[in-house]
Structure formats: structure tokens, C-alpha cells
């Protein structure tokens, strides 16, 4: 699961993931930290 989450996050930048919901790069940096914690936990 950890590897899957990492791959999804990496591809979330160029590709819009269903879980991310169109997240702009600027917001991704701020929200990325929050979402990263939740996805990893």
C-alpha cells in the first residue's frame, strides 16, 4: 500500500487522480503535506 500511495502522489502532479480532485501545484504544496500524512498513515 505504501508503494501504491507514493506512485499515486507522484503521478498526481501530471495526472489528476480521482482521490486528489484537481489539485493545483500551488495548493498541492500546502495540501500535499496534509494529504501526505493522511495517505501514509
PDB file of N, CA and C in Angstrom:
ATOM      1  N   UNK A   1       0.841  -1.211   0.000  1.00  0.00           N
ATOM      2  CA  UNK A   1       0.000   0.000   0.000  1.00  0.00           C
ATOM      3  C   UNK A   1       0.871   1.255   0.000  1.00  0.00           C
ATOM      4  N   UNK A   2       1.953   1.221   0.755  1.00  0.00           N
ATOM      5  CA  UNK A   2       2.845   2.390   0.827  1.00  0.00           C
ATOM      6  C   UNK A   2       3.365   2.734  -0.567  1.00  0.00           C
ATOM      7  N   UNK A   3       3.833   1.739  -1.279  1.00  0.00           N
ATOM      8  CA  UNK A   3       4.384   1.972  -2.615  1.00  0.00           C
ATOM      9  C   UNK A   3       3.290   2.505  -3.537  1.00  0.00           C
ATOM     10  N   UNK A   4       2.097   1.969  -3.409  1.00  0.00           N
ATOM     11  CA  UNK A   4       0.991   2.417  -4.258  1.00  0.00           C
ATOM     12  C   UNK A   4       0.684   3.888  -4.009  1.00  0.00           C
ATOM     13  N   UNK A   5       0.636   4.266  -2.755  1.00  0.00           N
ATOM     14  CA  UNK A   5       0.342   5.659  -2.417  1.00  0.00           C
ATOM     15  C   UNK A   5       1.424   6.578  -2.971  1.00  0.00           C
ATOM     16  N   UNK A   6       2.663   6.173  -2.863  1.00  0.00           N
ATOM     17  CA  UNK A   6       3.764   7.001  -3.355  1.00  0.00           C
ATOM     18  C   UNK A   6       3.641   7.194  -4.859  1.00  0.00           C
ATOM     19  N   UNK A   7       3.329   6.130  -5.566  1.00  0.00           N
ATOM     20  CA  UNK A   7       3.193   6.218  -7.014  1.00  0.00           C
ATOM     21  C   UNK A   7       2.047   7.138  -7.399  1.00  0.00           C
ATOM     22  N   UNK A   8       0.947   7.023  -6.700  1.00  0.00           N
ATOM     23  CA  UNK A   8      -0.224   7.851  -6.996  1.00  0.00           C
ATOM     24  C   UNK A   8       0.110   9.327  -6.782  1.00  0.00           C
ATOM     25  N   UNK A   9       0.781   9.630  -5.708  1.00  0.00           N
ATOM     26  CA  UNK A   9       1.112  11.035  -5.415  1.00  0.00           C
ATOM     27  C   UNK A   9       2.031  11.594  -6.496  1.00  0.00           C
ATOM     28  N   UNK A  10       3.004  10.805  -6.917  1.00  0.00           N
ATOM     29  CA  UNK A  10       3.949  11.265  -7.940  1.00  0.00           C
ATOM     30  C   UNK A  10       3.202  11.553  -9.242  1.00  0.00           C
ATOM     31  N   UNK A  11       2.293  10.669  -9.593  1.00  0.00           N
ATOM     32  CA  UNK A  11       1.551  10.848 -10.838  1.00  0.00           C
ATOM     33  C   UNK A  11       0.421  11.859 -10.678  1.00  0.00           C
ATOM     34  N   UNK A  12       0.144  12.229  -9.451  1.00  0.00           N
ATOM     35  CA  UNK A  12      -0.947  13.183  -9.203  1.00  0.00           C
ATOM     36  C   UNK A  12      -0.595  14.552  -9.778  1.00  0.00           C
ATOM     37  N   UNK A  13       0.686  14.828  -9.914  1.00  0.00           N
ATOM     38  CA  UNK A  13       1.096  16.138 -10.458  1.00  0.00           C
ATOM     39  C   UNK A  13       0.713  16.258 -11.941  1.00  0.00           C
ATOM     40  N   UNK A  14       1.264  15.407 -12.801  1.00  0.00           N
ATOM     41  CA  UNK A  14       0.929  15.483 -14.221  1.00  0.00           C
ATOM     42  C   UNK A  14      -0.485  14.971 -14.492  1.00  0.00           C
ATOM     43  N   UNK A  15      -0.884  13.953 -13.786  1.00  0.00           N
ATOM     44  CA  UNK A  15      -2.218  13.370 -13.987  1.00  0.00           C
ATOM     45  C   UNK A  15      -3.113  13.681 -12.790  1.00  0.00           C
ATOM     46  N   UNK A  16      -4.384  13.928 -13.046  1.00  0.00           N
ATOM     47  CA  UNK A  16      -5.310  14.217 -11.942  1.00  0.00           C
ATOM     48  C   UNK A  16      -5.884  12.904 -11.412  1.00  0.00           C
ATOM     49  N   UNK A  17      -5.535  12.584 -10.187  1.00  0.00           N
ATOM     50  CA  UNK A  17      -6.036  11.354  -9.580  1.00  0.00           C
ATOM     51  C   UNK A  17      -7.459  11.560  -9.055  1.00  0.00           C
ATOM     52  N   UNK A  18      -8.241  10.494  -9.032  1.00  0.00           N
ATOM     53  CA  UNK A  18      -9.618  10.599  -8.536  1.00  0.00           C
ATOM     54  C   UNK A  18      -9.657  11.005  -7.061  1.00  0.00           C
ATOM     55  N   UNK A  19      -8.648  10.607  -6.320  1.00  0.00           N
ATOM     56  CA  UNK A  19      -8.605  10.923  -4.891  1.00  0.00           C
ATOM     57  C   UNK A  19      -8.141  12.349  -4.643  1.00  0.00           C
ATOM     58  N   UNK A  20      -7.321  12.870  -5.556  1.00  0.00           N
ATOM     59  CA  UNK A  20      -6.784  14.217  -5.348  1.00  0.00           C
ATOM     60  C   UNK A  20      -7.808  15.286  -5.734  1.00  0.00           C
ATOM     61  N   UNK A  21      -8.563  15.050  -6.802  1.00  0.00           N
ATOM     62  CA  UNK A  21      -9.587  16.008  -7.226  1.00  0.00           C
ATOM     63  C   UNK A  21      -8.979  17.321  -7.706  1.00  0.00           C
ATOM     64  N   UNK A  22      -8.402  17.310  -8.889  1.00  0.00           N
ATOM     65  CA  UNK A  22      -7.862  18.545  -9.478  1.00  0.00           C
ATOM     66  C   UNK A  22      -7.185  19.431  -8.447  1.00  0.00           C
ATOM     67  N   UNK A  23      -5.995  19.086  -8.060  1.00  0.00           N
ATOM     68  CA  UNK A  23      -5.279  19.893  -7.064  1.00  0.00           C
ATOM     69  C   UNK A  23      -4.180  20.693  -7.761  1.00  0.00           C
ATOM     70  N   UNK A  24      -4.267  22.012  -7.748  1.00  0.00           N
ATOM     71  CA  UNK A  24      -3.252  22.857  -8.382  1.00  0.00           C
ATOM     72  C   UNK A  24      -1.892  22.682  -7.722  1.00  0.00           C
ATOM     73  N   UNK A  25      -0.832  22.990  -8.466  1.00  0.00           N
ATOM     74  CA  UNK A  25       0.518  22.791  -7.926  1.00  0.00           C
ATOM     75  C   UNK A  25       0.723  23.632  -6.675  1.00  0.00           C
ATOM     76  N   UNK A  26       0.216  24.848  -6.698  1.00  0.00           N
ATOM     77  CA  UNK A  26       0.401  25.728  -5.537  1.00  0.00           C
ATOM     78  C   UNK A  26      -0.277  25.150  -4.304  1.00  0.00           C
ATOM     79  N   UNK A  27      -1.498  24.705  -4.470  1.00  0.00           N
ATOM     80  CA  UNK A  27      -2.219  24.136  -3.331  1.00  0.00           C
ATOM     81  C   UNK A  27      -1.636  22.770  -2.976  1.00  0.00           C
ATOM     82  N   UNK A  28      -1.130  22.070  -3.984  1.00  0.00           N
ATOM     83  CA  UNK A  28      -0.580  20.742  -3.716  1.00  0.00           C
ATOM     84  C   UNK A  28       0.567  20.842  -2.721  1.00  0.00           C
ATOM     85  N   UNK A  29       1.358  21.895  -2.830  1.00  0.00           N
ATOM     86  CA  UNK A  29       2.488  22.049  -1.907  1.00  0.00           C
ATOM     87  C   UNK A  29       1.983  22.189  -0.474  1.00  0.00           C
ATOM     88  N   UNK A  30       0.952  22.991  -0.297  1.00  0.00           N
ATOM     89  CA  UNK A  30       0.404  23.201   1.051  1.00  0.00           C
ATOM     90  C   UNK A  30      -0.414  21.989   1.484  1.00  0.00           C
ATOM     91  N   UNK A  31      -1.319  21.567   0.608  1.00  0.00           N
ATOM     92  CA  UNK A  31      -2.173  20.428   0.934  1.00  0.00           C
ATOM     93  C   UNK A  31      -1.408  19.114   0.838  1.00  0.00           C
ATOM     94  N   UNK A  32      -0.356  19.122   0.036  1.00  0.00           N
ATOM     95  CA  UNK A  32       0.441  17.906  -0.135  1.00  0.00           C
ATOM     96  C   UNK A  32       0.927  17.373   1.196  1.00  0.00           C
ATOM     97  N   UNK A  33       1.382  18.269   2.052  1.00  0.00           N
ATOM     98  CA  UNK A  33       1.873  17.828   3.362  1.00  0.00           C
ATOM     99  C   UNK A  33       0.756  17.181   4.169  1.00  0.00           C
ATOM    100  N   UNK A  34      -0.385  17.825   4.179  1.00  0.00           N
ATOM    101  CA  UNK A  34      -1.509  17.291   4.936  1.00  0.00           C
ATOM    102  C   UNK A  34      -1.984  15.974   4.344  1.00  0.00           C
ATOM    103  N   UNK A  35      -2.141  15.949   3.033  1.00  0.00           N
ATOM    104  CA  UNK A  35      -2.618  14.732   2.389  1.00  0.00           C
ATOM    105  C   UNK A  35      -1.581  13.624   2.493  1.00  0.00           C
ATOM    106  N   UNK A  36      -0.326  13.995   2.431  1.00  0.00           N
ATOM    107  CA  UNK A  36       0.731  13.002   2.521  1.00  0.00           C
ATOM    108  C   UNK A  36       0.656  12.263   3.848  1.00  0.00           C
ATOM    109  N   UNK A  37       0.434  13.004   4.912  1.00  0.00           N
ATOM    110  CA  UNK A  37       0.357  12.403   6.243  1.00  0.00           C
ATOM    111  C   UNK A  37      -0.817  11.435   6.309  1.00  0.00           C
ATOM    112  N   UNK A  38      -1.946  11.858   5.780  1.00  0.00           N
ATOM    113  CA  UNK A  38      -3.141  11.014   5.847  1.00  0.00           C
ATOM    114  C   UNK A  38      -2.992   9.787   4.959  1.00  0.00           C
ATOM    115  N   UNK A  39      -2.446   9.965   3.769  1.00  0.00           N
ATOM    116  CA  UNK A  39      -2.311   8.824   2.860  1.00  0.00           C
ATOM    117  C   UNK A  39      -1.304   7.818   3.404  1.00  0.00           C
ATOM    118  N   UNK A  40      -0.261   8.299   4.030  1.00  0.00           N
ATOM    119  CA  UNK A  40       0.771   7.381   4.540  1.00  0.00           C
ATOM    120  C   UNK A  40       0.287   6.661   5.796  1.00  0.00           C
ATOM    121  N   UNK A  41      -0.474   7.346   6.602  1.00  0.00           N
ATOM    122  CA  UNK A  41      -0.898   6.731   7.874  1.00  0.00           C
ATOM    123  C   UNK A  41      -1.779   5.527   7.607  1.00  0.00           C
TER     124      UNK A  41
END
